[in-house]
Structure formats: structure tokens, C-alpha cells
Amino acid sequence: MSSKVLVTGGSGYLGTRLIAALLREGREVRATVRSLDGEAGVREAVRRGGVDDTGLELVEADLTSDDGWPGALEGVEEVHHVASPIPSAQPKEPDELIIPAREGTVRVLKAARDAGARRVVLTSSFAAVGYSPKAVRNYTEADWTDPDTPGLPPYPRSKAIAERAAWDFVGTEGGDTQLVVVNPTFIAGPSLVPTQRSSLTAFKAIIEGTMPALPRQRFGVVDVRDVADAHIRAMATPVAGGRRYLLLADGPTITWVELAQILRDHLGPAGRHVTTDEAPGENLSPLTIHNDRAKQELGWQPRPAETTIVETADSLRELGLLGEGD
């Protein structure tokens, strides 16, 4: 009988997907939430993923406090650390984001070490890899965002600092607990949570035409279901210990204009409001992000970006998150 697996951030977009995937594999799952007031919603989201939630236990624990973490880790050998503060708007004071991101990550790793956990798989971000300028924008797991990059917004800065803190802690105080980090690009795909948050906000604004102009940006896209799958593979693959894995769909990176065009083509008449105007600015330089390591070492096979984009729109409609008439 395998031990319980812990998922932090159990009420979130990725957390609910990961819980559903683990339950589908027959695992007993304990998940942390900031408040048990939301337990019914988490269970409903997991069932929306087509699985029975009887193997799920929810416990209260917050990244900003030591309370609850020893109990959450009791009897747990595998930890998926998904929880992370994500701002609805960039804070005026960067430390509002950086301190809980860094200290929360170290807090979970300490609790995992103290409980004798075998391995922690941490959700970091491409923001910790590729947000410092390079002459040729070609990124692998060897690249790091420098937190002192001039003009770097608080969110990517917090991701780079928190991931560095995780590696530093495991390297000096981690005991026998191994760390694996996944670095997803922009996460999209169908949501199990019927609230508008994370990447869904941008999709909704583009589809409804409330985004006045599309940002002039090139980026990678990855499906939330594939990130959950990568988490599970990273936990199970022996060689993954001590490694980072960039996660994105196969094929070239994409612009917001290209994403909007995919949405417009898919939605047909319902896509008549889709924002197609691009913000003024210079032409974008090429951007290459490599997902070879995850594919070769984890046997990971991501969906095409277009599938993810289309199914995100369908999910928004099914969850009733699009305005009337769309």
C-alpha cells in the first residue's frame, strides 16, 4: 500500500487537476488549502475531472505560517508543492510577493525533510528561467532569470528567488529529501474550478473584446493537464532527482495575435468580439524554449498548443464564465 501523497495549493487551477490525476491512478491524496471553508468547492472541482473524491483528504495550511504543516506531512513520502502566491495585480512593494514565495517554499521543504519525505516536486515557472535578456533568446534548463535584472516585475523576480531558495535549502539542509522542479511556460487548458483566475482571465478578455489591444509578446504555452502529468512523472522517474524541467507544448512559441486568431477561427460567429489589434511597438525577436529534457527523461508528451487554446475557450463557455451573447 503506497503512502499518501501531498499536494499543496489544492484548491487551485493546477492543484485540482493534479489531485484528479493522482486519484485516477488510485493514489490516496492529502491536499492543503488555506481554509476548509472551500472544501466542498475543491471536491466538486475534482469530481468535475471525472474521478471519485473519496480518496481525498483536505487539511488547512498556509504558506505564511508554520501551523498545520507538520500534520499535513505526517506519513507522506511524496510532496507536490504547487501552492504559490499569484497577484491579481503587481504589488507596489515587491516584498509582498517575494517574501511569502521564498519563505513558503522553504517552509514546505523543511516540513518535508522533517517528515522524511522522499521527494518534493516543485512548480516553479519559465519566469525563473528566461526573463533576463539574452542576445539570442534560446532557453534551456541551464538558464536562470537574474532577480536583479533592471525593470524585472515582482512576479518573475519572486519565482526566481523562491526557486533559488529551494535549491539552496535542499543543497545545505535538505537531508535525504530530493527536489525536482518543473518550470512551465504560460499555463492554459480546461479548468475544473468555475472561477475566473490565472490564465483564464486573459482568454476571457480576448474573447469578449474587453482587452483593448493584444500585448506585443512571444511566449510558450503548456496545458494544465500536461503540467499535472509532468508532476507525476517527475515524482516517479529516478533520474529526475536534482533536475529542472521546462514545460511547453511542442512547436514554435506563439504571440497573442496568433493565439487570438486561433480563438477567432475556432469560435466562428461567437468569436466576433475577439480582440485582434496588437499594441504598437517593435517587431519581436525569435524565442526558442526547449522541452527536450522533459520528453526524453520523463517520457512526457505534451498536447499541441492549438488544442490547449481551443479547449480553454470551450471550458470557459462550459463553466459559464463568458458574457451573455458569446
C-alpha atoms as a PDB file:
ATOM      1  CA  MET A   1       0.000   0.000   0.000  1.00  0.00           C
ATOM      2  CA  SER A   2       1.637   3.278  -1.105  1.00  0.00           C
ATOM      3  CA  SER A   3       1.665   6.199   1.314  1.00  0.00           C
ATOM      4  CA  LYS A   4      -0.456   9.291   0.940  1.00  0.00           C
ATOM      5  CA  VAL A   5       0.835  11.911  -1.468  1.00  0.00           C
ATOM      6  CA  LEU A   6       0.580  15.595  -0.503  1.00  0.00           C
ATOM      7  CA  VAL A   7      -0.488  18.343  -2.902  1.00  0.00           C
ATOM      8  CA  THR A   8      -0.138  21.940  -1.693  1.00  0.00           C
ATOM      9  CA  GLY A   9      -2.433  24.581  -3.160  1.00  0.00           C
ATOM     10  CA  GLY A  10      -5.203  22.025  -3.559  1.00  0.00           C
ATOM     11  CA  SER A  11      -7.950  24.498  -4.493  1.00  0.00           C
ATOM     12  CA  GLY A  12      -6.164  26.000  -7.493  1.00  0.00           C
ATOM     13  CA  TYR A  13      -6.238  25.623 -11.258  1.00  0.00           C
ATOM     14  CA  LEU A  14      -3.240  23.251 -11.352  1.00  0.00           C
ATOM     15  CA  GLY A  15      -3.800  21.785  -7.885  1.00  0.00           C
ATOM     16  CA  THR A  16      -7.276  20.450  -8.690  1.00  0.00           C
ATOM     17  CA  ARG A  17      -6.010  18.939 -11.969  1.00  0.00           C
ATOM     18  CA  LEU A  18      -3.116  17.236 -10.189  1.00  0.00           C
ATOM     19  CA  ILE A  19      -5.365  15.868  -7.438  1.00  0.00           C
ATOM     20  CA  ALA A  20      -7.746  14.444 -10.057  1.00  0.00           C
ATOM     21  CA  ALA A  21      -4.862  12.831 -11.963  1.00  0.00           C
ATOM     22  CA  LEU A  22      -3.428  11.245  -8.798  1.00  0.00           C
ATOM     23  CA  LEU A  23      -6.835   9.923  -7.684  1.00  0.00           C
ATOM     24  CA  ARG A  24      -7.305   8.490 -11.176  1.00  0.00           C
ATOM     25  CA  GLU A  25      -4.115   6.490 -10.590  1.00  0.00           C
ATOM     26  CA  GLY A  26      -5.550   5.102  -7.363  1.00  0.00           C
ATOM     27  CA  ARG A  27      -3.426   7.224  -5.023  1.00  0.00           C
ATOM     28  CA  GLU A  28      -4.606   8.438  -1.616  1.00  0.00           C
ATOM     29  CA  VAL A  29      -4.216  12.226  -1.691  1.00  0.00           C
ATOM     30  CA  ARG A  30      -3.938  14.782   1.096  1.00  0.00           C
ATOM     31  CA  ALA A  31      -4.160  18.380  -0.085  1.00  0.00           C
ATOM     32  CA  THR A  32      -3.592  21.679   1.681  1.00  0.00           C
ATOM     33  CA  VAL A  33      -5.980  24.601   1.413  1.00  0.00           C
ATOM     34  CA  ARG A  34      -5.821  27.948   3.183  1.00  0.00           C
ATOM     35  CA  SER A  35      -9.291  27.391   4.629  1.00  0.00           C
ATOM     36  CA  LEU A  36     -11.541  24.342   4.876  1.00  0.00           C
ATOM     37  CA  ASP A  37     -14.459  26.658   4.107  1.00  0.00           C
ATOM     38  CA  GLY A  38     -13.751  25.865   0.458  1.00  0.00           C
ATOM     39  CA  GLU A  39     -13.696  22.080   0.855  1.00  0.00           C
ATOM     40  CA  ALA A  40     -16.988  21.471  -0.968  1.00  0.00           C
ATOM     41  CA  GLY A  41     -15.748  23.503  -3.944  1.00  0.00           C
ATOM     42  CA  VAL A  42     -12.491  21.564  -4.169  1.00  0.00           C
ATOM     43  CA  ARG A  43     -14.312  18.237  -4.063  1.00  0.00           C
ATOM     44  CA  GLU A  44     -16.753  19.411  -6.717  1.00  0.00           C
ATOM     45  CA  ALA A  45     -13.842  20.526  -8.938  1.00  0.00           C
ATOM     46  CA  VAL A  46     -12.107  17.165  -8.577  1.00  0.00           C
ATOM     47  CA  ARG A  47     -15.327  15.318  -9.446  1.00  0.00           C
ATOM     48  CA  ARG A  48     -15.648  17.600 -12.475  1.00  0.00           C
ATOM     49  CA  GLY A  49     -12.394  15.945 -13.542  1.00  0.00           C
ATOM     50  CA  GLY A  50     -14.271  12.650 -13.754  1.00  0.00           C
ATOM     51  CA  VAL A  51     -12.929  10.983 -10.609  1.00  0.00           C
ATOM     52  CA  ASP A  52     -14.267   9.859  -7.236  1.00  0.00           C
ATOM     53  CA  ASP A  53     -13.091  12.163  -4.453  1.00  0.00           C
ATOM     54  CA  THR A  54     -13.378   9.638  -1.594  1.00  0.00           C
ATOM     55  CA  GLY A  55      -9.589   9.150  -1.599  1.00  0.00           C
ATOM     56  CA  LEU A  56      -9.036  12.870  -0.927  1.00  0.00           C
ATOM     57  CA  GLU A  57      -8.324  14.402   2.472  1.00  0.00           C
ATOM     58  CA  LEU A  58      -8.133  18.209   2.846  1.00  0.00           C
ATOM     59  CA  VAL A  59      -6.172  19.966   5.595  1.00  0.00           C
ATOM     60  CA  GLU A  60      -5.583  23.624   6.445  1.00  0.00           C
ATOM     61  CA  ALA A  61      -2.085  25.050   5.989  1.00  0.00           C
ATOM     62  CA  ASP A  62      -0.883  28.447   4.781  1.00  0.00           C
ATOM     63  CA  LEU A  63       2.465  29.326   3.207  1.00  0.00           C
ATOM     64  CA  THR A  64       2.853  32.255   5.596  1.00  0.00           C
ATOM     65  CA  SER A  65       2.621  30.211   8.825  1.00  0.00           C
ATOM     66  CA  ASP A  66       4.218  27.085  10.311  1.00  0.00           C
ATOM     67  CA  ASP A  67       0.822  25.960  11.608  1.00  0.00           C
ATOM     68  CA  GLY A  68      -0.549  22.806  10.039  1.00  0.00           C
ATOM     69  CA  TRP A  69       2.493  21.749   8.048  1.00  0.00           C
ATOM     70  CA  PRO A  70       3.814  19.009  10.371  1.00  0.00           C
ATOM     71  CA  GLY A  71       0.372  17.388  10.379  1.00  0.00           C
ATOM     72  CA  ALA A  72      -0.003  17.818   6.625  1.00  0.00           C
ATOM     73  CA  LEU A  73       3.288  15.960   6.057  1.00  0.00           C
ATOM     74  CA  GLU A  74       2.690  13.168   8.551  1.00  0.00           C
ATOM     75  CA  GLY A  75       3.120   9.783   6.859  1.00  0.00           C
ATOM     76  CA  VAL A  76       3.803  11.425   3.492  1.00  0.00           C
ATOM     77  CA  GLU A  77       6.718  10.358   1.273  1.00  0.00           C
ATOM     78  CA  GLU A  78       5.866  12.391  -1.825  1.00  0.00           C
ATOM     79  CA  VAL A  79       5.088  16.118  -1.934  1.00  0.00           C
ATOM     80  CA  HIS A  80       3.836  18.084  -4.922  1.00  0.00           C
ATOM     81  CA  HIS A  81       4.392  21.727  -3.960  1.00  0.00           C
ATOM     82  CA  VAL A  82       2.065  23.653  -6.256  1.00  0.00           C
ATOM     83  CA  ALA A  83       0.918  26.487  -3.969  1.00  0.00           C
ATOM     84  CA  SER A  84       2.366  29.911  -4.701  1.00  0.00           C
ATOM     85  CA  PRO A  85       1.153  33.473  -4.229  1.00  0.00           C
ATOM     86  CA  ILE A  86      -0.087  34.862  -7.577  1.00  0.00           C
ATOM     87  CA  PRO A  87      -1.109  38.530  -7.530  1.00  0.00           C
ATOM     88  CA  SER A  88      -4.257  39.816  -9.213  1.00  0.00           C
ATOM     89  CA  ALA A  89      -2.156  42.937  -9.831  1.00  0.00           C
ATOM     90  CA  GLN A  90       1.558  43.604  -9.432  1.00  0.00           C
ATOM     91  CA  PRO A  91       2.103  44.791  -5.841  1.00  0.00           C
ATOM     92  CA  LYS A  92       3.626  48.228  -5.258  1.00  0.00           C
ATOM     93  CA  GLU A  93       6.013  46.660  -2.762  1.00  0.00           C
ATOM     94  CA  PRO A  94       7.788  43.629  -4.353  1.00  0.00           C
ATOM     95  CA  ASP A  95       8.444  42.016  -0.961  1.00  0.00           C
ATOM     96  CA  GLU A  96       4.685  41.477  -0.568  1.00  0.00           C
ATOM     97  CA  LEU A  97       5.119  38.748  -3.172  1.00  0.00           C
ATOM     98  CA  ILE A  98       8.767  37.760  -2.816  1.00  0.00           C
ATOM     99  CA  ILE A  99       8.792  37.033   0.928  1.00  0.00           C
ATOM    100  CA  PRO A 100       5.798  34.638   1.005  1.00  0.00           C
ATOM    101  CA  ALA A 101       7.012  32.924  -2.198  1.00  0.00           C
ATOM    102  CA  ARG A 102      10.502  32.328  -0.821  1.00  0.00           C
ATOM    103  CA  GLU A 103       9.588  31.599   2.790  1.00  0.00           C
ATOM    104  CA  GLY A 104       6.594  29.449   1.844  1.00  0.00           C
ATOM    105  CA  THR A 105       8.747  27.266  -0.398  1.00  0.00           C
ATOM    106  CA  VAL A 106      11.402  26.786   2.287  1.00  0.00           C
ATOM    107  CA  ARG A 107       8.707  26.145   4.919  1.00  0.00           C
ATOM    108  CA  VAL A 108       7.266  23.257   2.863  1.00  0.00           C
ATOM    109  CA  LEU A 109      10.736  21.824   2.158  1.00  0.00           C
ATOM    110  CA  LYS A 110      11.616  21.938   5.873  1.00  0.00           C
ATOM    111  CA  ALA A 111       8.398  20.141   6.782  1.00  0.00           C
ATOM    112  CA  ALA A 112       9.069  17.564   4.049  1.00  0.00           C
ATOM    113  CA  ARG A 113      12.606  16.961   5.323  1.00  0.00           C
ATOM    114  CA  ASP A 114      11.423  16.676   8.918  1.00  0.00           C
ATOM    115  CA  ALA A 115       8.789  14.136   7.865  1.00  0.00           C
ATOM    116  CA  GLY A 116      11.376  12.097   5.959  1.00  0.00           C
ATOM    117  CA  ALA A 117       9.702  12.672   2.593  1.00  0.00           C
ATOM    118  CA  ARG A 118      11.494  11.001  -0.307  1.00  0.00           C
ATOM    119  CA  ARG A 119      10.978  13.716  -2.903  1.00  0.00           C
ATOM    120  CA  VAL A 120       9.386  17.126  -3.443  1.00  0.00           C
ATOM    121  CA  VAL A 121       8.318  18.203  -6.937  1.00  0.00           C
ATOM    122  CA  LEU A 122       8.046  21.992  -7.010  1.00  0.00           C
ATOM    123  CA  THR A 123       6.100  24.058  -9.526  1.00  0.00           C
ATOM    124  CA  SER A 124       8.357  26.949 -10.453  1.00  0.00           C
ATOM    125  CA  SER A 125       7.952  28.808 -13.755  1.00  0.00           C
ATOM    126  CA  PHE A 126       9.618  29.811 -17.005  1.00  0.00           C
ATOM    127  CA  ALA A 127       9.685  33.166 -15.201  1.00  0.00           C
ATOM    128  CA  ALA A 128      12.610  31.740 -13.184  1.00  0.00           C
ATOM    129  CA  VAL A 129      14.424  30.690 -16.372  1.00  0.00           C
ATOM    130  CA  GLY A 130      14.029  33.169 -19.216  1.00  0.00           C
ATOM    131  CA  TYR A 131      13.222  36.675 -18.004  1.00  0.00           C
ATOM    132  CA  SER A 132      16.735  38.094 -18.213  1.00  0.00           C
ATOM    133  CA  PRO A 133      17.694  39.399 -21.675  1.00  0.00           C
ATOM    134  CA  LYS A 134      19.899  37.336 -23.992  1.00  0.00           C
ATOM    135  CA  ALA A 135      21.266  38.317 -27.393  1.00  0.00           C
ATOM    136  CA  VAL A 136      19.700  35.145 -28.813  1.00  0.00           C
ATOM    137  CA  ARG A 137      16.517  34.194 -26.961  1.00  0.00           C
ATOM    138  CA  ASN A 138      17.135  30.454 -26.791  1.00  0.00           C
ATOM    139  CA  TYR A 139      16.414  28.909 -23.376  1.00  0.00           C
ATOM    140  CA  THR A 140      17.137  25.585 -21.685  1.00  0.00           C
ATOM    141  CA  GLU A 141      17.094  24.447 -18.061  1.00  0.00           C
ATOM    142  CA  ALA A 142      20.648  25.813 -17.706  1.00  0.00           C
ATOM    143  CA  ASP A 143      19.295  29.380 -17.920  1.00  0.00           C
ATOM    144  CA  TRP A 144      18.249  31.437 -14.912  1.00  0.00           C
ATOM    145  CA  THR A 145      16.417  34.714 -14.526  1.00  0.00           C
ATOM    146  CA  ASP A 146      18.649  37.133 -12.611  1.00  0.00           C
ATOM    147  CA  PRO A 147      16.439  38.669  -9.882  1.00  0.00           C
ATOM    148  CA  ASP A 148      18.451  41.891 -10.192  1.00  0.00           C
ATOM    149  CA  THR A 149      17.603  42.355 -13.892  1.00  0.00           C
ATOM    150  CA  PRO A 150      16.638  46.049 -14.283  1.00  0.00           C
ATOM    151  CA  GLY A 151      12.891  46.546 -14.620  1.00  0.00           C
ATOM    152  CA  LEU A 152      12.041  42.926 -13.751  1.00  0.00           C
ATOM    153  CA  PRO A 153       8.452  42.805 -12.398  1.00  0.00           C
ATOM    154  CA  PRO A 154       7.855  41.384  -8.903  1.00  0.00           C
ATOM    155  CA  TYR A 155       6.231  38.126 -10.084  1.00  0.00           C
ATOM    156  CA  PRO A 156       9.147  36.723 -12.163  1.00  0.00           C
ATOM    157  CA  ARG A 157      11.531  38.059  -9.532  1.00  0.00           C
ATOM    158  CA  SER A 158       9.644  36.133  -6.834  1.00  0.00           C
ATOM    159  CA  LYS A 159       9.702  32.918  -8.879  1.00  0.00           C
ATOM    160  CA  ALA A 160      13.465  33.131  -9.477  1.00  0.00           C
ATOM    161  CA  ILE A 161      14.195  33.916  -5.813  1.00  0.00           C
ATOM    162  CA  ALA A 162      11.875  31.183  -4.491  1.00  0.00           C
ATOM    163  CA  GLU A 163      13.341  28.513  -6.774  1.00  0.00           C
ATOM    164  CA  ARG A 164      16.917  29.507  -5.893  1.00  0.00           C
ATOM    165  CA  ALA A 165      15.974  29.323  -2.204  1.00  0.00           C
ATOM    166  CA  ALA A 166      14.574  25.822  -2.747  1.00  0.00           C
ATOM    167  CA  TRP A 167      17.780  24.548  -4.371  1.00  0.00           C
ATOM    168  CA  ASP A 168      19.921  26.257  -1.723  1.00  0.00           C
ATOM    169  CA  PHE A 169      17.914  24.710   1.119  1.00  0.00           C
ATOM    170  CA  VAL A 170      17.978  21.193  -0.323  1.00  0.00           C
ATOM    171  CA  GLY A 171      21.694  21.511  -1.049  1.00  0.00           C
ATOM    172  CA  THR A 172      22.596  22.515   2.516  1.00  0.00           C
ATOM    173  CA  GLU A 173      19.808  21.363   4.856  1.00  0.00           C
ATOM    174  CA  GLY A 174      17.583  19.032   2.862  1.00  0.00           C
ATOM    175  CA  GLY A 175      18.765  15.763   4.361  1.00  0.00           C
ATOM    176  CA  ASP A 176      17.694  12.812   2.229  1.00  0.00           C
ATOM    177  CA  THR A 177      14.775  14.662   0.608  1.00  0.00           C
ATOM    178  CA  GLN A 178      15.230  15.113  -3.147  1.00  0.00           C
ATOM    179  CA  LEU A 179      13.990  18.103  -5.114  1.00  0.00           C
ATOM    180  CA  VAL A 180      12.687  18.164  -8.684  1.00  0.00           C
ATOM    181  CA  VAL A 181      11.484  21.421 -10.264  1.00  0.00           C
ATOM    182  CA  VAL A 182       9.116  21.858 -13.194  1.00  0.00           C
ATOM    183  CA  ASN A 183       9.215  25.218 -14.998  1.00  0.00           C
ATOM    184  CA  PRO A 184       6.009  25.594 -17.018  1.00  0.00           C
ATOM    185  CA  THR A 185       5.518  28.342 -19.559  1.00  0.00           C
ATOM    186  CA  PHE A 186       2.085  30.077 -19.713  1.00  0.00           C
ATOM    187  CA  ILE A 187      -0.384  27.508 -18.337  1.00  0.00           C
ATOM    188  CA  ALA A 188      -3.706  27.238 -20.147  1.00  0.00           C
ATOM    189  CA  GLY A 189      -6.248  24.490 -20.783  1.00  0.00           C
ATOM    190  CA  PRO A 190      -9.648  23.477 -19.394  1.00  0.00           C
ATOM    191  CA  SER A 191     -10.312  24.445 -15.781  1.00  0.00           C
ATOM    192  CA  LEU A 192     -12.014  22.320 -13.146  1.00  0.00           C
ATOM    193  CA  VAL A 193     -12.508  25.424 -10.985  1.00  0.00           C
ATOM    194  CA  PRO A 194     -15.535  27.518 -12.005  1.00  0.00           C
ATOM    195  CA  THR A 195     -13.961  30.861 -11.170  1.00  0.00           C
ATOM    196  CA  GLN A 196     -12.117  33.269 -13.408  1.00  0.00           C
ATOM    197  CA  ARG A 197      -8.472  33.309 -12.411  1.00  0.00           C
ATOM    198  CA  SER A 198      -4.946  32.664 -13.670  1.00  0.00           C
ATOM    199  CA  SER A 199      -4.611  32.427 -17.445  1.00  0.00           C
ATOM    200  CA  LEU A 200      -8.375  32.234 -17.931  1.00  0.00           C
ATOM    201  CA  THR A 201      -8.646  35.965 -17.227  1.00  0.00           C
ATOM    202  CA  ALA A 202      -6.627  36.786 -20.348  1.00  0.00           C
ATOM    203  CA  PHE A 203      -8.599  34.346 -22.518  1.00  0.00           C
ATOM    204  CA  LYS A 204     -11.918  35.795 -21.330  1.00  0.00           C
ATOM    205  CA  ALA A 205     -10.764  39.378 -22.005  1.00  0.00           C
ATOM    206  CA  ILE A 206      -9.610  38.494 -25.534  1.00  0.00           C
ATOM    207  CA  ILE A 207     -12.778  36.522 -26.404  1.00  0.00           C
ATOM    208  CA  GLU A 208     -15.114  39.208 -25.071  1.00  0.00           C
ATOM    209  CA  GLY A 209     -13.081  42.022 -26.642  1.00  0.00           C
ATOM    210  CA  THR A 210     -12.503  43.802 -23.326  1.00  0.00           C
ATOM    211  CA  MET A 211      -8.733  43.686 -23.849  1.00  0.00           C
ATOM    212  CA  PRO A 212      -8.220  46.861 -25.909  1.00  0.00           C
ATOM    213  CA  ALA A 213      -5.003  45.685 -27.588  1.00  0.00           C
ATOM    214  CA  LEU A 214      -3.010  42.459 -27.524  1.00  0.00           C
ATOM    215  CA  PRO A 215       0.362  42.656 -25.759  1.00  0.00           C
ATOM    216  CA  ARG A 216       3.330  42.536 -28.130  1.00  0.00           C
ATOM    217  CA  GLN A 217       4.853  39.412 -26.651  1.00  0.00           C
ATOM    218  CA  ARG A 218       6.081  35.973 -27.710  1.00  0.00           C
ATOM    219  CA  PHE A 219       5.735  33.136 -25.205  1.00  0.00           C
ATOM    220  CA  GLY A 220       5.336  29.409 -24.660  1.00  0.00           C
ATOM    221  CA  VAL A 221       2.032  27.703 -23.832  1.00  0.00           C
ATOM    222  CA  VAL A 222       1.530  24.462 -21.912  1.00  0.00           C
ATOM    223  CA  ASP A 223      -1.647  22.591 -20.999  1.00  0.00           C
ATOM    224  CA  VAL A 224      -2.576  22.414 -17.310  1.00  0.00           C
ATOM    225  CA  ARG A 225      -3.291  18.684 -17.765  1.00  0.00           C
ATOM    226  CA  ASP A 226       0.216  18.174 -19.141  1.00  0.00           C
ATOM    227  CA  VAL A 227       1.761  20.067 -16.208  1.00  0.00           C
ATOM    228  CA  ALA A 228      -0.084  17.728 -13.826  1.00  0.00           C
ATOM    229  CA  ASP A 229       1.202  14.761 -15.832  1.00  0.00           C
ATOM    230  CA  ALA A 230       4.763  16.106 -15.693  1.00  0.00           C
ATOM    231  CA  HIS A 231       4.490  16.443 -11.902  1.00  0.00           C
ATOM    232  CA  ILE A 232       3.532  12.777 -11.583  1.00  0.00           C
ATOM    233  CA  ARG A 233       6.274  11.653 -13.979  1.00  0.00           C
ATOM    234  CA  ALA A 234       8.868  13.820 -12.204  1.00  0.00           C
ATOM    235  CA  MET A 235       7.951  12.141  -8.917  1.00  0.00           C
ATOM    236  CA  ALA A 236       8.221   8.627 -10.352  1.00  0.00           C
ATOM    237  CA  THR A 237      11.347   8.954 -12.522  1.00  0.00           C
ATOM    238  CA  PRO A 238      14.538   8.046 -10.607  1.00  0.00           C
ATOM    239  CA  VAL A 239      16.905  10.214 -12.709  1.00  0.00           C
ATOM    240  CA  ALA A 240      14.729  13.307 -12.159  1.00  0.00           C
ATOM    241  CA  GLY A 241      16.105  13.936  -8.656  1.00  0.00           C
ATOM    242  CA  GLY A 242      18.002  17.235  -8.605  1.00  0.00           C
ATOM    243  CA  ARG A 243      16.780  18.303 -12.079  1.00  0.00           C
ATOM    244  CA  ARG A 244      14.701  21.121 -13.580  1.00  0.00           C
ATOM    245  CA  TYR A 245      12.270  20.574 -16.465  1.00  0.00           C
ATOM    246  CA  LEU A 246      10.970  23.243 -18.845  1.00  0.00           C
ATOM    247  CA  LEU A 247       7.373  22.527 -19.838  1.00  0.00           C
ATOM    248  CA  LEU A 248       5.736  23.762 -23.027  1.00  0.00           C
ATOM    249  CA  ALA A 249       3.827  22.419 -25.981  1.00  0.00           C
ATOM    250  CA  ASP A 250       5.772  21.177 -28.997  1.00  0.00           C
ATOM    251  CA  GLY A 251       6.375  23.587 -31.836  1.00  0.00           C
ATOM    252  CA  PRO A 252       7.244  27.264 -32.021  1.00  0.00           C
ATOM    253  CA  THR A 253       6.420  29.807 -29.357  1.00  0.00           C
ATOM    254  CA  ILE A 254       3.367  31.952 -30.012  1.00  0.00           C
ATOM    255  CA  THR A 255       2.235  35.590 -29.966  1.00  0.00           C
ATOM    256  CA  TRP A 256      -1.003  36.953 -28.527  1.00  0.00           C
ATOM    257  CA  VAL A 257      -2.093  37.803 -32.088  1.00  0.00           C
ATOM    258  CA  GLU A 258      -1.639  34.174 -33.137  1.00  0.00           C
ATOM    259  CA  LEU A 259      -3.484  32.968 -30.038  1.00  0.00           C
ATOM    260  CA  ALA A 260      -6.375  35.367 -30.720  1.00  0.00           C
ATOM    261  CA  GLN A 261      -6.588  34.172 -34.336  1.00  0.00           C
ATOM    262  CA  ILE A 262      -6.863  30.546 -33.181  1.00  0.00           C
ATOM    263  CA  LEU A 263      -9.693  31.569 -30.839  1.00  0.00           C
ATOM    264  CA  ARG A 264     -11.478  33.542 -33.556  1.00  0.00           C
ATOM    265  CA  ASP A 265     -11.233  30.685 -36.072  1.00  0.00           C
ATOM    266  CA  HIS A 266     -12.494  28.174 -33.518  1.00  0.00           C
ATOM    267  CA  LEU A 267     -15.390  30.220 -32.162  1.00  0.00           C
ATOM    268  CA  GLY A 268     -16.797  31.284 -35.536  1.00  0.00           C
ATOM    269  CA  PRO A 269     -19.715  33.729 -35.102  1.00  0.00           C
ATOM    270  CA  ALA A 270     -19.273  33.572 -31.301  1.00  0.00           C
ATOM    271  CA  GLY A 271     -15.776  34.964 -31.792  1.00  0.00           C
ATOM    272  CA  ARG A 272     -16.930  38.225 -33.376  1.00  0.00           C
ATOM    273  CA  HIS A 273     -15.694  40.289 -30.389  1.00  0.00           C
ATOM    274  CA  VAL A 274     -12.237  38.682 -30.195  1.00  0.00           C
ATOM    275  CA  THR A 275      -9.526  41.328 -29.788  1.00  0.00           C
ATOM    276  CA  THR A 276      -7.219  41.255 -32.814  1.00  0.00           C
ATOM    277  CA  ASP A 277      -5.430  44.610 -32.587  1.00  0.00           C
ATOM    278  CA  GLU A 278      -1.829  44.419 -31.404  1.00  0.00           C
ATOM    279  CA  ALA A 279      -0.262  47.076 -29.207  1.00  0.00           C
ATOM    280  CA  PRO A 280       2.237  49.256 -31.087  1.00  0.00           C
ATOM    281  CA  GLY A 281       5.932  48.527 -30.753  1.00  0.00           C
ATOM    282  CA  GLU A 282       8.943  46.920 -32.341  1.00  0.00           C
ATOM    283  CA  ASN A 283       8.886  43.540 -34.060  1.00  0.00           C
ATOM    284  CA  LEU A 284       9.528  40.668 -31.688  1.00  0.00           C
ATOM    285  CA  SER A 285      12.788  38.762 -31.810  1.00  0.00           C
ATOM    286  CA  PRO A 286      12.539  34.959 -32.119  1.00  0.00           C
ATOM    287  CA  LEU A 287      12.092  32.979 -28.898  1.00  0.00           C
ATOM    288  CA  THR A 288      13.026  29.312 -28.566  1.00  0.00           C
ATOM    289  CA  ILE A 289      12.270  27.324 -25.412  1.00  0.00           C
ATOM    290  CA  HIS A 290      13.400  23.690 -25.272  1.00  0.00           C
ATOM    291  CA  ASN A 291      11.243  20.896 -23.822  1.00  0.00           C
ATOM    292  CA  ASP A 292      13.589  18.059 -24.862  1.00  0.00           C
ATOM    293  CA  ARG A 293      14.675  17.123 -21.340  1.00  0.00           C
ATOM    294  CA  ALA A 294      11.143  16.506 -20.086  1.00  0.00           C
ATOM    295  CA  LYS A 295      10.306  14.443 -23.162  1.00  0.00           C
ATOM    296  CA  GLN A 296      13.480  12.361 -23.086  1.00  0.00           C
ATOM    297  CA  GLU A 297      13.892  11.816 -19.349  1.00  0.00           C
ATOM    298  CA  LEU A 298      10.260  11.763 -18.182  1.00  0.00           C
ATOM    299  CA  GLY A 299       8.630  10.317 -21.300  1.00  0.00           C
ATOM    300  CA  TRP A 300       6.415  13.417 -21.306  1.00  0.00           C
ATOM    301  CA  GLN A 301       4.227  14.064 -24.371  1.00  0.00           C
ATOM    302  CA  PRO A 302       2.549  17.477 -24.378  1.00  0.00           C
ATOM    303  CA  ARG A 303      -0.561  18.396 -26.345  1.00  0.00           C
ATOM    304  CA  PRO A 304      -0.217  20.856 -29.249  1.00  0.00           C
ATOM    305  CA  ALA A 305      -0.663  24.486 -28.204  1.00  0.00           C
ATOM    306  CA  GLU A 306      -3.646  24.899 -30.551  1.00  0.00           C
ATOM    307  CA  THR A 307      -5.529  22.057 -28.814  1.00  0.00           C
ATOM    308  CA  THR A 308      -4.939  23.710 -25.443  1.00  0.00           C
ATOM    309  CA  ILE A 309      -6.059  27.149 -26.662  1.00  0.00           C
ATOM    310  CA  VAL A 310      -9.250  25.827 -28.257  1.00  0.00           C
ATOM    311  CA  GLU A 311     -10.167  23.690 -25.250  1.00  0.00           C
ATOM    312  CA  THR A 312      -9.560  26.627 -22.891  1.00  0.00           C
ATOM    313  CA  ALA A 313     -12.223  28.604 -24.759  1.00  0.00           C
ATOM    314  CA  ASP A 314     -14.634  25.644 -24.677  1.00  0.00           C
ATOM    315  CA  SER A 315     -14.024  25.270 -20.937  1.00  0.00           C
ATOM    316  CA  LEU A 316     -14.798  28.955 -20.277  1.00  0.00           C
ATOM    317  CA  ARG A 317     -18.091  28.570 -22.103  1.00  0.00           C
ATOM    318  CA  GLU A 318     -18.997  25.313 -20.316  1.00  0.00           C
ATOM    319  CA  LEU A 319     -18.255  26.869 -16.920  1.00  0.00           C
ATOM    320  CA  GLY A 320     -20.473  29.870 -17.748  1.00  0.00           C
ATOM    321  CA  LEU A 321     -17.582  32.313 -17.497  1.00  0.00           C
ATOM    322  CA  LEU A 322     -18.161  34.102 -20.809  1.00  0.00           C
ATOM    323  CA  GLY A 323     -20.513  37.093 -21.079  1.00  0.00           C
ATOM    324  CA  GLU A 324     -24.001  36.745 -22.495  1.00  0.00           C
ATOM    325  CA  GLY A 325     -24.223  36.635 -26.257  1.00  0.00           C
ATOM    326  CA  ASP A 326     -20.853  34.949 -26.647  1.00  0.00           C
END
